[in-house]
Amino acid sequence: MKILNIIPYKVLPARLGGEKAVVLFNEYIGKKKEVLAVSVKSNHIEHAKNFRMLNILSGSRFRYCNPLLYFKIRRLIKKNEVTHLAIEHPYFGWLAYLLRNTLSIQWFVRSHNIEYQRSASIGRKWWKWLKIYESWVYRKADLVFFISEDDRQLAIKETGISPDNAFLLPYGITENTTKEEMGNAKLTIQKKYGIPADKKILLFNGALYHHTNYDALRIILDEINPILFNKQAAKYVIIICGKGLPGFFNELKEYTYKNIIYA
């Protein structure tokens, strides 16, 4: 098995959660099988571990509909004797479909979100067209890996994908922090926000412009925190961090005295 993975945006060095999801997947698969990744020219390829990164995609938005990529990727597949083609997100599904149908390879998609839902949540008017396209990609791929069972079930219901081709591949994490580093980090946070040493610190982190994250934040604020506050008010704080908090949350000012810290 040799895998070629098309990554449509910069991921190296990986800093954000989505970038880490892509890089760690390739890194750990690369321990078992040969992985070649194709991505945009702005990647710092020296950060790639256990896989090769080729920066051959343009940074232009037109890269998503460039028909010349078919010939470039096809040559790479044949030269490297690739057996499996992967794409991160459904956007290059048209390209993967053409390659799979003209070469002896299998094709799988890694879905990080249900993309048409995300587009609808941030007000993109063309989300319905994206739903049609995303559904087509999922149905045509040999396999699709979803990041949550909720996404998997939604895709089966809404996009027409066969349950036999839809699999769960959750977001994985690595833990390289020592106990000493964790202790120092806790002291830094306690000092910065004036948190007493005996209080538990709970953290919620995510891109808050994304509806799945701010929906989760609403549940924390309006359902989970009231239960904790009524029973354990003196024993914890919840720190919320992440960019893009929508304006209707008003920077969480009304939760300031409810053990919520907006960082």
Protein backbone atom coordinates (compact mmCIF):
# COMPACT_ATOMS: atom_id res chain seq x y z
CA MET A 1 0.00 0.00 0.00
CA LYS A 2 1.23 3.47 -0.98
CA ILE A 3 -0.90 6.50 -0.21
CA LEU A 4 -1.02 9.88 -1.91
CA ASN A 5 -2.91 12.47 0.12
CA ILE A 6 -4.13 15.76 -1.37
CA ILE A 7 -4.13 18.46 1.31
CA PRO A 8 -5.75 21.68 0.04
CA TYR A 9 -4.19 24.21 2.44
CA LYS A 10 -1.11 24.94 4.53
CA VAL A 11 -0.64 22.56 7.48
CA LEU A 12 3.10 22.70 8.23
CA PRO A 13 4.05 23.65 10.84
CA ALA A 14 0.81 22.46 12.41
CA ARG A 15 -0.61 24.89 14.97
CA LEU A 16 -4.41 24.81 14.72
CA GLY A 17 -6.53 21.78 15.52
CA GLY A 18 -7.47 21.07 11.92
CA GLU A 19 -3.86 21.32 10.81
CA LYS A 20 -2.79 18.90 13.54
CA ALA A 21 -5.52 16.47 12.53
CA VAL A 22 -4.10 16.34 9.00
CA VAL A 23 -0.44 16.18 9.96
CA LEU A 24 -0.78 13.58 12.72
CA PHE A 25 -2.89 11.34 10.49
CA ASN A 26 -0.18 11.35 7.83
CA GLU A 27 2.58 11.03 10.42
CA TYR A 28 1.11 7.96 12.11
CA ILE A 29 -0.03 6.26 8.92
CA GLY A 30 3.50 6.97 7.68
CA LYS A 31 4.88 4.72 10.42
CA LYS A 32 3.14 1.77 8.77
CA LYS A 33 2.91 2.62 5.08
CA GLU A 34 4.55 4.96 2.58
CA VAL A 35 2.73 8.30 2.44
CA LEU A 36 3.23 11.07 -0.11
CA ALA A 37 1.35 14.32 0.51
CA VAL A 38 0.59 17.01 -2.05
CA SER A 39 -0.21 20.50 -0.80
CA VAL A 40 0.24 24.26 -1.28
CA LYS A 41 3.61 25.95 -1.71
CA SER A 42 3.54 27.76 1.64
CA ASN A 43 4.13 24.59 3.70
CA HIS A 44 7.43 24.25 5.56
CA ILE A 45 8.16 20.71 4.45
CA GLU A 46 11.01 20.24 6.94
CA HIS A 47 8.33 19.72 9.60
CA ALA A 48 6.94 16.62 7.86
CA LYS A 49 7.64 13.48 9.87
CA ASN A 50 7.26 9.93 8.50
CA PHE A 51 5.81 11.23 5.22
CA ARG A 52 6.95 13.24 2.20
CA MET A 53 5.37 16.56 1.37
CA LEU A 54 5.42 18.03 -2.13
CA ASN A 55 4.41 21.68 -2.38
CA ILE A 56 2.96 21.74 -5.87
CA LEU A 57 -0.48 23.31 -5.40
CA SER A 58 -1.01 27.00 -5.99
CA GLY A 59 -2.20 29.19 -3.15
CA SER A 60 -4.85 30.68 -5.44
CA ARG A 61 -8.51 29.85 -4.93
CA PHE A 62 -8.53 28.62 -8.52
CA ARG A 63 -6.48 25.58 -7.45
CA TYR A 64 -9.76 23.91 -6.50
CA CYS A 65 -10.92 23.89 -10.12
CA ASN A 66 -7.66 23.63 -12.06
CA PRO A 67 -8.07 20.82 -14.65
CA LEU A 68 -4.30 20.69 -15.26
CA LEU A 69 -3.86 19.17 -11.80
CA TYR A 70 -5.26 15.92 -13.18
CA PHE A 71 -2.19 15.37 -15.35
CA LYS A 72 0.27 16.46 -12.66
CA ILE A 73 -1.20 14.21 -9.96
CA ARG A 74 -1.65 11.33 -12.40
CA ARG A 75 2.06 11.41 -13.21
CA LEU A 76 2.90 11.36 -9.50
CA ILE A 77 0.62 8.40 -8.87
CA LYS A 78 2.14 6.38 -11.69
CA LYS A 79 5.74 7.35 -10.88
CA ASN A 80 5.38 6.45 -7.18
CA GLU A 81 3.20 3.36 -7.78
CA VAL A 82 0.48 4.75 -5.53
CA THR A 83 -2.33 2.35 -4.63
CA HIS A 84 -4.59 4.61 -2.53
CA LEU A 85 -5.60 8.22 -3.08
CA ALA A 86 -6.79 10.29 -0.11
CA ILE A 87 -8.28 13.77 0.00
CA GLU A 88 -8.73 15.95 3.06
CA HIS A 89 -12.24 17.45 2.83
CA PRO A 90 -14.45 16.89 -0.23
CA TYR A 91 -13.25 19.87 -2.28
CA PHE A 92 -10.93 17.92 -4.58
CA GLY A 93 -13.49 15.16 -5.03
CA TRP A 94 -13.87 15.91 -8.75
CA LEU A 95 -10.12 15.37 -9.22
CA ALA A 96 -10.05 12.19 -7.14
CA TYR A 97 -13.04 10.84 -9.07
CA LEU A 98 -11.25 11.34 -12.41
CA LEU A 99 -8.03 9.80 -11.12
CA ARG A 100 -9.74 6.77 -9.58
CA ASN A 101 -11.70 6.13 -12.77
CA THR A 102 -8.62 6.26 -15.01
CA LEU A 103 -6.09 4.50 -12.77
CA SER A 104 -6.06 1.30 -10.75
CA ILE A 105 -6.35 2.92 -7.32
CA GLN A 106 -8.78 3.21 -4.43
CA TRP A 107 -9.99 6.57 -3.17
CA PHE A 108 -10.99 7.68 0.29
CA VAL A 109 -12.11 10.99 1.81
CA ARG A 110 -11.37 12.31 5.30
CA SER A 111 -14.28 14.49 6.36
CA HIS A 112 -13.33 17.01 9.04
CA ASN A 113 -16.81 18.51 9.17
CA ILE A 114 -20.00 18.32 7.19
CA GLU A 115 -18.82 21.19 5.04
CA TYR A 116 -22.17 22.42 3.76
CA GLN A 117 -23.38 22.76 7.36
CA ARG A 118 -20.33 24.81 8.26
CA SER A 119 -20.84 27.05 5.24
CA ALA A 120 -24.50 27.57 6.09
CA SER A 121 -23.59 28.44 9.69
CA ILE A 122 -21.25 31.26 8.62
CA GLY A 123 -23.70 32.70 6.10
CA ARG A 124 -22.38 31.46 2.79
CA LYS A 125 -25.30 31.70 0.38
CA TRP A 126 -24.04 28.90 -1.85
CA TRP A 127 -24.15 26.22 0.85
CA LYS A 128 -26.97 24.35 -0.90
CA TRP A 129 -24.81 23.91 -4.00
CA LEU A 130 -22.02 22.69 -1.76
CA LYS A 131 -24.41 20.14 -0.23
CA ILE A 132 -25.15 18.70 -3.67
CA TYR A 133 -21.45 18.48 -4.51
CA GLU A 134 -20.37 17.14 -1.11
CA SER A 135 -23.08 14.48 -1.24
CA TRP A 136 -21.93 13.41 -4.70
CA VAL A 137 -18.30 13.13 -3.51
CA TYR A 138 -19.24 10.96 -0.52
CA ARG A 139 -21.33 8.64 -2.68
CA LYS A 140 -18.62 8.24 -5.32
CA ALA A 141 -15.67 7.64 -2.97
CA ASP A 142 -14.70 4.07 -2.05
CA LEU A 143 -14.55 5.01 1.64
CA VAL A 144 -15.30 8.10 3.74
CA PHE A 145 -13.95 8.61 7.25
CA PHE A 146 -16.00 10.90 9.49
CA ILE A 147 -14.63 12.60 12.58
CA SER A 148 -17.70 11.92 14.75
CA GLU A 149 -20.55 9.44 14.83
CA ASP A 150 -22.97 12.37 14.63
CA ASP A 151 -21.41 13.43 11.32
CA ARG A 152 -21.43 9.88 10.05
CA GLN A 153 -25.11 9.37 10.81
CA LEU A 154 -26.02 12.76 9.33
CA ALA A 155 -24.14 11.96 6.13
CA ILE A 156 -25.85 8.58 5.81
CA LYS A 157 -29.23 10.30 6.23
CA GLU A 158 -28.66 13.44 4.16
CA THR A 159 -26.10 12.62 1.44
CA GLY A 160 -27.07 9.11 0.37
CA ILE A 161 -23.75 7.50 1.25
CA SER A 162 -23.92 3.78 1.97
CA PRO A 163 -23.35 2.87 5.65
CA ASP A 164 -20.94 0.21 4.39
CA ASN A 165 -18.66 2.96 3.01
CA ALA A 166 -18.92 5.34 5.99
CA PHE A 167 -16.52 4.89 8.89
CA LEU A 168 -15.72 6.67 12.13
CA LEU A 169 -12.17 8.01 12.53
CA PRO A 170 -12.15 10.32 15.58
CA TYR A 171 -9.76 13.18 16.19
CA GLY A 172 -6.65 11.81 17.88
CA ILE A 173 -4.28 13.62 20.21
CA THR A 174 -0.70 13.22 21.34
CA GLU A 175 0.50 14.06 24.84
CA ASN A 176 4.15 15.01 25.09
CA THR A 177 3.91 17.42 28.02
CA THR A 178 5.75 16.48 31.21
CA LYS A 179 4.15 16.80 34.65
CA GLU A 180 6.60 19.59 35.42
CA GLU A 181 5.58 21.53 32.31
CA MET A 182 1.90 21.01 33.12
CA GLY A 183 2.45 22.29 36.65
CA ASN A 184 4.24 25.40 35.40
CA ALA A 185 1.48 26.05 32.87
CA LYS A 186 -1.18 25.81 35.58
CA LEU A 187 0.69 28.31 37.77
CA THR A 188 0.95 30.71 34.83
CA ILE A 189 -2.79 30.51 34.16
CA GLN A 190 -3.66 30.88 37.85
CA LYS A 191 -1.50 34.00 38.11
CA LYS A 192 -2.77 35.56 34.86
CA TYR A 193 -6.45 35.23 35.72
CA GLY A 194 -6.30 35.39 39.51
CA ILE A 195 -7.53 31.83 40.00
CA PRO A 196 -7.11 30.40 43.54
CA ALA A 197 -4.83 27.36 43.72
CA ASP A 198 -7.57 25.08 45.04
CA LYS A 199 -9.90 25.60 42.06
CA LYS A 200 -10.15 23.13 39.20
CA ILE A 201 -9.49 24.67 35.79
CA LEU A 202 -11.68 23.39 32.95
CA LEU A 203 -10.79 24.43 29.40
CA PHE A 204 -12.87 24.71 26.25
CA ASN A 205 -10.88 25.60 23.14
CA GLY A 206 -11.95 25.83 19.52
CA ALA A 207 -12.53 28.04 16.50
CA LEU A 208 -15.57 29.82 17.86
CA TYR A 209 -16.82 31.11 14.50
CA HIS A 210 -17.65 27.47 13.67
CA HIS A 211 -21.23 26.55 14.55
CA THR A 212 -20.33 23.12 15.96
CA ASN A 213 -18.03 24.84 18.45
CA TYR A 214 -20.27 27.73 19.43
CA ASP A 215 -23.22 25.33 19.71
CA ALA A 216 -21.09 23.33 22.15
CA LEU A 217 -20.23 26.57 23.96
CA ARG A 218 -23.93 27.33 24.37
CA ILE A 219 -24.42 23.93 26.00
CA ILE A 220 -21.53 24.61 28.38
CA LEU A 221 -22.87 28.05 29.29
CA ASP A 222 -26.57 27.33 29.55
CA GLU A 223 -26.80 23.66 30.54
CA ILE A 224 -23.58 22.34 32.09
CA ASN A 225 -22.32 25.39 33.96
CA PRO A 226 -25.59 26.07 35.86
CA ILE A 227 -25.46 22.53 37.27
CA LEU A 228 -21.84 22.90 38.34
CA PHE A 229 -22.39 26.40 39.68
CA ASN A 230 -25.30 25.35 41.89
CA LYS A 231 -23.38 22.42 43.38
CA GLN A 232 -19.66 23.30 43.21
CA ALA A 233 -19.45 27.08 42.71
CA ALA A 234 -16.35 27.51 44.86
CA LYS A 235 -14.38 24.66 43.33
CA TYR A 236 -13.90 25.40 39.60
CA VAL A 237 -13.58 27.88 36.75
CA ILE A 238 -14.17 27.31 33.05
CA ILE A 239 -11.80 29.02 30.62
CA ILE A 240 -13.12 29.61 27.10
CA CYS A 241 -10.61 30.38 24.35
CA GLY A 242 -10.51 30.39 20.58
CA LYS A 243 -10.81 32.96 17.82
CA GLY A 244 -13.93 34.27 16.13
CA LEU A 245 -16.50 34.35 18.94
CA PRO A 246 -19.69 35.69 17.28
CA GLY A 247 -20.83 39.13 18.38
CA PHE A 248 -24.12 37.85 19.76
CA PHE A 249 -22.19 36.26 22.64
CA ASN A 250 -21.15 39.79 23.74
CA GLU A 251 -17.72 38.51 24.79
CA LEU A 252 -19.44 36.37 27.48
CA LYS A 253 -19.75 39.44 29.73
CA GLU A 254 -22.96 38.21 31.33
CA TYR A 255 -21.13 35.07 32.48
CA THR A 256 -18.22 36.88 34.18
CA TYR A 257 -19.56 36.18 37.65
CA LYS A 258 -20.63 32.65 36.83
CA ASN A 259 -17.16 31.07 36.92
CA ILE A 260 -16.60 31.67 33.19
CA ILE A 261 -13.39 33.29 31.93
CA TYR A 262 -13.28 34.35 28.28
CA ALA A 263 -9.60 34.24 27.38
